[in-house]
Amino acid sequence: MSLVLQSPVMALGNARIEYLGYAAALLTTGAYIPQLVRVLRLRSARDISLPTFVMFAIGVALWLFYGLFTGSRPIIASNSVTLVLALCIVVLKLRYDRSAMEELEP
């Protein structure tokens, strides 16, 4: 850990840092819930970029593996839920937007 972060981290303590991670996880994961609700309510995912969400889901899966390998509970918890939300949006995009697969073609 860098010297710049050592003293603030030591002042907070491990438990508070863990809570900070959970707070960040709650906010960043929860940010996708309104998008999923909107897609379900409108039965349209036309404005959602399929390549973006596919890349995002892959990135979240990699973060989940990182969390599993390092034992970071906030990373495991948040990325498990975020992966489910992102995959739901991808599935709904494919279901509601008939031309979605064309977005993946080069």
N, C-alpha and C. Protein backbone atom coordinates (compact mmCIF):
# COMPACT_ATOMS: atom_id res chain seq x y z
N MET A 1 0.85 -1.16 0.00
CA MET A 1 0.00 0.00 0.00
C MET A 1 0.90 1.23 0.00
N SER A 2 0.49 2.25 -0.74
CA SER A 2 1.32 3.44 -0.83
C SER A 2 1.33 4.19 0.49
N LEU A 3 2.37 4.95 0.69
CA LEU A 3 2.50 5.75 1.91
C LEU A 3 1.39 6.79 2.01
N VAL A 4 0.92 7.26 0.87
CA VAL A 4 -0.14 8.27 0.85
C VAL A 4 -1.42 7.73 1.48
N LEU A 5 -1.72 6.46 1.24
CA LEU A 5 -2.96 5.87 1.74
C LEU A 5 -2.81 5.18 3.09
N GLN A 6 -1.60 4.91 3.52
CA GLN A 6 -1.41 4.14 4.75
C GLN A 6 -2.03 4.80 5.97
N SER A 7 -1.77 6.05 6.21
CA SER A 7 -2.29 6.67 7.43
C SER A 7 -3.81 6.82 7.40
N PRO A 8 -4.45 7.25 6.28
CA PRO A 8 -5.92 7.30 6.29
C PRO A 8 -6.55 5.92 6.47
N VAL A 9 -5.94 4.91 5.85
CA VAL A 9 -6.48 3.55 5.96
C VAL A 9 -6.35 3.06 7.40
N MET A 10 -5.22 3.30 8.01
CA MET A 10 -5.03 2.86 9.39
C MET A 10 -5.99 3.59 10.33
N ALA A 11 -6.28 4.85 10.03
CA ALA A 11 -7.19 5.62 10.87
C ALA A 11 -8.62 5.10 10.76
N LEU A 12 -9.02 4.65 9.58
CA LEU A 12 -10.37 4.13 9.38
C LEU A 12 -10.57 2.76 9.99
N GLY A 13 -9.60 1.90 9.88
CA GLY A 13 -9.74 0.53 10.35
C GLY A 13 -10.34 -0.35 9.28
N ASN A 14 -10.05 -1.64 9.36
CA ASN A 14 -10.50 -2.59 8.34
C ASN A 14 -12.01 -2.70 8.24
N ALA A 15 -12.71 -2.67 9.35
CA ALA A 15 -14.17 -2.82 9.31
C ALA A 15 -14.82 -1.65 8.58
N ARG A 16 -14.37 -0.46 8.85
CA ARG A 16 -14.95 0.71 8.18
C ARG A 16 -14.62 0.73 6.70
N ILE A 17 -13.44 0.26 6.35
CA ILE A 17 -13.08 0.18 4.94
C ILE A 17 -13.98 -0.82 4.23
N GLU A 18 -14.29 -1.92 4.91
CA GLU A 18 -15.20 -2.92 4.35
C GLU A 18 -16.59 -2.31 4.13
N TYR A 19 -17.05 -1.51 5.09
CA TYR A 19 -18.34 -0.83 4.95
C TYR A 19 -18.32 0.17 3.80
N LEU A 20 -17.18 0.83 3.61
CA LEU A 20 -17.03 1.74 2.48
C LEU A 20 -17.19 0.97 1.17
N GLY A 21 -16.60 -0.21 1.11
CA GLY A 21 -16.75 -1.06 -0.07
C GLY A 21 -18.19 -1.47 -0.31
N TYR A 22 -18.90 -1.83 0.75
CA TYR A 22 -20.31 -2.20 0.61
C TYR A 22 -21.16 -1.02 0.16
N ALA A 23 -20.86 0.19 0.67
CA ALA A 23 -21.61 1.38 0.26
C ALA A 23 -21.40 1.66 -1.22
N ALA A 24 -20.15 1.57 -1.66
CA ALA A 24 -19.85 1.76 -3.08
C ALA A 24 -20.54 0.69 -3.92
N ALA A 25 -20.52 -0.54 -3.45
CA ALA A 25 -21.16 -1.65 -4.17
C ALA A 25 -22.67 -1.44 -4.28
N LEU A 26 -23.28 -0.99 -3.21
CA LEU A 26 -24.73 -0.75 -3.21
C LEU A 26 -25.11 0.31 -4.24
N LEU A 27 -24.36 1.39 -4.27
CA LEU A 27 -24.68 2.48 -5.19
C LEU A 27 -24.41 2.12 -6.64
N THR A 28 -23.25 1.52 -6.92
CA THR A 28 -22.94 1.21 -8.31
C THR A 28 -23.80 0.06 -8.86
N THR A 29 -24.13 -0.88 -8.01
CA THR A 29 -24.99 -1.98 -8.44
C THR A 29 -26.43 -1.50 -8.60
N GLY A 30 -26.89 -0.74 -7.64
CA GLY A 30 -28.26 -0.22 -7.68
C GLY A 30 -28.52 0.70 -8.85
N ALA A 31 -27.47 1.26 -9.43
CA ALA A 31 -27.63 2.17 -10.56
C ALA A 31 -28.22 1.47 -11.79
N TYR A 32 -28.12 0.17 -11.87
CA TYR A 32 -28.64 -0.56 -13.03
C TYR A 32 -30.10 -0.98 -12.85
N ILE A 33 -30.62 -0.91 -11.67
CA ILE A 33 -32.01 -1.31 -11.43
C ILE A 33 -32.99 -0.42 -12.19
N PRO A 34 -32.85 0.91 -12.17
CA PRO A 34 -33.79 1.73 -12.96
C PRO A 34 -33.76 1.41 -14.45
N GLN A 35 -32.59 1.08 -14.99
CA GLN A 35 -32.49 0.73 -16.40
C GLN A 35 -33.26 -0.55 -16.69
N LEU A 36 -33.09 -1.55 -15.85
CA LEU A 36 -33.80 -2.82 -16.02
C LEU A 36 -35.30 -2.62 -15.89
N VAL A 37 -35.73 -1.84 -14.93
CA VAL A 37 -37.16 -1.56 -14.74
C VAL A 37 -37.73 -0.85 -15.98
N ARG A 38 -36.97 0.09 -16.51
CA ARG A 38 -37.43 0.83 -17.69
C ARG A 38 -37.60 -0.10 -18.89
N VAL A 39 -36.63 -0.97 -19.11
CA VAL A 39 -36.71 -1.92 -20.23
C VAL A 39 -37.93 -2.83 -20.06
N LEU A 40 -38.14 -3.31 -18.84
CA LEU A 40 -39.30 -4.18 -18.60
C LEU A 40 -40.62 -3.44 -18.79
N ARG A 41 -40.69 -2.21 -18.28
CA ARG A 41 -41.93 -1.45 -18.38
C ARG A 41 -42.27 -1.08 -19.82
N LEU A 42 -41.27 -0.63 -20.58
CA LEU A 42 -41.50 -0.21 -21.96
C LEU A 42 -41.48 -1.37 -22.95
N ARG A 43 -40.96 -2.51 -22.50
CA ARG A 43 -40.76 -3.66 -23.39
C ARG A 43 -39.97 -3.26 -24.63
N SER A 44 -38.96 -2.42 -24.37
CA SER A 44 -38.10 -1.95 -25.44
C SER A 44 -36.70 -1.73 -24.88
N ALA A 45 -35.73 -2.17 -25.65
CA ALA A 45 -34.33 -1.94 -25.29
C ALA A 45 -33.59 -1.34 -26.47
N ARG A 46 -34.34 -0.66 -27.32
CA ARG A 46 -33.79 -0.11 -28.55
C ARG A 46 -32.66 0.88 -28.29
N ASP A 47 -32.73 1.65 -27.22
CA ASP A 47 -31.73 2.67 -26.93
C ASP A 47 -30.50 2.13 -26.21
N ILE A 48 -30.47 0.84 -25.95
CA ILE A 48 -29.35 0.24 -25.23
C ILE A 48 -28.40 -0.38 -26.25
N SER A 49 -27.11 -0.11 -26.07
CA SER A 49 -26.09 -0.65 -26.96
C SER A 49 -25.74 -2.07 -26.52
N LEU A 50 -26.01 -3.04 -27.38
CA LEU A 50 -25.70 -4.43 -27.07
C LEU A 50 -24.19 -4.66 -26.89
N PRO A 51 -23.34 -4.15 -27.78
CA PRO A 51 -21.90 -4.37 -27.56
C PRO A 51 -21.42 -3.79 -26.23
N THR A 52 -21.94 -2.65 -25.85
CA THR A 52 -21.53 -2.04 -24.58
C THR A 52 -21.91 -2.93 -23.41
N PHE A 53 -23.14 -3.43 -23.40
CA PHE A 53 -23.58 -4.25 -22.28
C PHE A 53 -22.93 -5.62 -22.27
N VAL A 54 -22.61 -6.17 -23.43
CA VAL A 54 -21.88 -7.45 -23.47
C VAL A 54 -20.48 -7.25 -22.90
N MET A 55 -19.79 -6.19 -23.32
CA MET A 55 -18.46 -5.92 -22.78
C MET A 55 -18.53 -5.63 -21.29
N PHE A 56 -19.55 -4.90 -20.87
CA PHE A 56 -19.72 -4.59 -19.46
C PHE A 56 -19.92 -5.88 -18.66
N ALA A 57 -20.78 -6.79 -19.15
CA ALA A 57 -21.03 -8.05 -18.44
C ALA A 57 -19.76 -8.89 -18.33
N ILE A 58 -18.96 -8.92 -19.38
CA ILE A 58 -17.70 -9.65 -19.33
C ILE A 58 -16.76 -9.03 -18.29
N GLY A 59 -16.69 -7.71 -18.28
CA GLY A 59 -15.87 -7.02 -17.29
C GLY A 59 -16.32 -7.29 -15.87
N VAL A 60 -17.63 -7.29 -15.64
CA VAL A 60 -18.18 -7.57 -14.32
C VAL A 60 -17.87 -9.01 -13.91
N ALA A 61 -17.97 -9.93 -14.86
CA ALA A 61 -17.63 -11.33 -14.56
C ALA A 61 -16.16 -11.45 -14.15
N LEU A 62 -15.30 -10.72 -14.83
CA LEU A 62 -13.87 -10.75 -14.45
C LEU A 62 -13.66 -10.15 -13.06
N TRP A 63 -14.39 -9.06 -12.74
CA TRP A 63 -14.30 -8.49 -11.39
C TRP A 63 -14.80 -9.49 -10.35
N LEU A 64 -15.83 -10.25 -10.70
CA LEU A 64 -16.35 -11.26 -9.79
C LEU A 64 -15.29 -12.33 -9.53
N PHE A 65 -14.62 -12.79 -10.58
CA PHE A 65 -13.55 -13.77 -10.39
C PHE A 65 -12.42 -13.19 -9.55
N TYR A 66 -12.08 -11.92 -9.80
CA TYR A 66 -11.06 -11.27 -8.99
C TYR A 66 -11.48 -11.26 -7.52
N GLY A 67 -12.71 -10.91 -7.25
CA GLY A 67 -13.21 -10.91 -5.88
C GLY A 67 -13.17 -12.29 -5.25
N LEU A 68 -13.51 -13.31 -6.03
CA LEU A 68 -13.47 -14.68 -5.51
C LEU A 68 -12.03 -15.09 -5.18
N PHE A 69 -11.09 -14.73 -6.06
CA PHE A 69 -9.70 -15.10 -5.84
C PHE A 69 -9.08 -14.36 -4.67
N THR A 70 -9.49 -13.10 -4.45
CA THR A 70 -8.91 -12.30 -3.37
C THR A 70 -9.71 -12.38 -2.08
N GLY A 71 -10.94 -12.91 -2.16
CA GLY A 71 -11.78 -13.02 -0.98
C GLY A 71 -12.42 -11.71 -0.56
N SER A 72 -12.54 -10.78 -1.47
CA SER A 72 -13.14 -9.48 -1.16
C SER A 72 -14.67 -9.58 -1.21
N ARG A 73 -15.28 -9.60 -0.05
CA ARG A 73 -16.73 -9.78 0.01
C ARG A 73 -17.52 -8.67 -0.68
N PRO A 74 -17.15 -7.39 -0.53
CA PRO A 74 -17.90 -6.36 -1.26
C PRO A 74 -17.83 -6.53 -2.78
N ILE A 75 -16.66 -6.91 -3.28
CA ILE A 75 -16.52 -7.11 -4.73
C ILE A 75 -17.32 -8.33 -5.17
N ILE A 76 -17.30 -9.39 -4.40
CA ILE A 76 -18.07 -10.59 -4.74
C ILE A 76 -19.56 -10.28 -4.74
N ALA A 77 -20.04 -9.64 -3.69
CA ALA A 77 -21.47 -9.35 -3.55
C ALA A 77 -21.96 -8.42 -4.66
N SER A 78 -21.27 -7.32 -4.85
CA SER A 78 -21.73 -6.34 -5.82
C SER A 78 -21.67 -6.87 -7.24
N ASN A 79 -20.59 -7.55 -7.58
CA ASN A 79 -20.46 -8.02 -8.95
C ASN A 79 -21.34 -9.22 -9.25
N SER A 80 -21.70 -10.00 -8.25
CA SER A 80 -22.67 -11.07 -8.47
C SER A 80 -24.02 -10.49 -8.87
N VAL A 81 -24.47 -9.50 -8.13
CA VAL A 81 -25.77 -8.87 -8.41
C VAL A 81 -25.70 -8.09 -9.72
N THR A 82 -24.62 -7.34 -9.91
CA THR A 82 -24.49 -6.54 -11.13
C THR A 82 -24.45 -7.43 -12.36
N LEU A 83 -23.79 -8.57 -12.28
CA LEU A 83 -23.74 -9.49 -13.42
C LEU A 83 -25.13 -9.99 -13.77
N VAL A 84 -25.91 -10.34 -12.76
CA VAL A 84 -27.29 -10.78 -13.02
C VAL A 84 -28.09 -9.67 -13.69
N LEU A 85 -27.98 -8.44 -13.17
CA LEU A 85 -28.71 -7.31 -13.75
C LEU A 85 -28.27 -7.06 -15.20
N ALA A 86 -26.97 -7.06 -15.44
CA ALA A 86 -26.45 -6.80 -16.78
C ALA A 86 -26.89 -7.89 -17.76
N LEU A 87 -26.83 -9.15 -17.32
CA LEU A 87 -27.26 -10.24 -18.20
C LEU A 87 -28.75 -10.19 -18.48
N CYS A 88 -29.54 -9.76 -17.50
CA CYS A 88 -30.98 -9.58 -17.73
C CYS A 88 -31.22 -8.53 -18.81
N ILE A 89 -30.46 -7.43 -18.75
CA ILE A 89 -30.61 -6.38 -19.75
C ILE A 89 -30.18 -6.89 -21.12
N VAL A 90 -29.11 -7.67 -21.20
CA VAL A 90 -28.67 -8.23 -22.47
C VAL A 90 -29.74 -9.17 -23.04
N VAL A 91 -30.28 -10.03 -22.20
CA VAL A 91 -31.32 -10.97 -22.65
C VAL A 91 -32.55 -10.21 -23.14
N LEU A 92 -32.97 -9.19 -22.39
CA LEU A 92 -34.13 -8.40 -22.80
C LEU A 92 -33.85 -7.62 -24.08
N LYS A 93 -32.63 -7.15 -24.24
CA LYS A 93 -32.25 -6.47 -25.49
C LYS A 93 -32.42 -7.43 -26.66
N LEU A 94 -31.95 -8.65 -26.51
CA LEU A 94 -32.09 -9.64 -27.58
C LEU A 94 -33.54 -10.03 -27.81
N ARG A 95 -34.32 -10.04 -26.74
CA ARG A 95 -35.73 -10.44 -26.85
C ARG A 95 -36.58 -9.34 -27.50
N TYR A 96 -36.38 -8.10 -27.10
CA TYR A 96 -37.25 -7.02 -27.55
C TYR A 96 -36.77 -6.33 -28.82
N ASP A 97 -35.51 -6.41 -29.13
CA ASP A 97 -34.97 -5.72 -30.29
C ASP A 97 -34.54 -6.75 -31.32
N ARG A 98 -35.34 -6.90 -32.34
CA ARG A 98 -35.09 -7.94 -33.35
C ARG A 98 -33.78 -7.73 -34.11
N SER A 99 -33.33 -6.51 -34.21
CA SER A 99 -32.09 -6.24 -34.96
C SER A 99 -30.87 -6.14 -34.05
N ALA A 100 -30.99 -6.58 -32.82
CA ALA A 100 -29.90 -6.43 -31.85
C ALA A 100 -28.62 -7.13 -32.28
N MET A 101 -28.75 -8.29 -32.86
CA MET A 101 -27.55 -9.05 -33.24
C MET A 101 -26.75 -8.33 -34.32
N GLU A 102 -27.41 -7.49 -35.10
CA GLU A 102 -26.72 -6.72 -36.13
C GLU A 102 -25.72 -5.75 -35.50
N GLU A 103 -25.96 -5.34 -34.26
CA GLU A 103 -25.05 -4.43 -33.59
C GLU A 103 -23.69 -5.09 -33.31
N LEU A 104 -23.66 -6.40 -33.25
CA LEU A 104 -22.42 -7.12 -32.96
C LEU A 104 -21.58 -7.41 -34.20
N GLU A 105 -22.18 -7.21 -35.38
CA GLU A 105 -21.46 -7.47 -36.62
C GLU A 105 -20.48 -6.33 -36.87
N PRO A 106 -19.28 -6.66 -37.38
CA PRO A 106 -18.29 -5.61 -37.67
C PRO A 106 -18.68 -4.74 -38.84
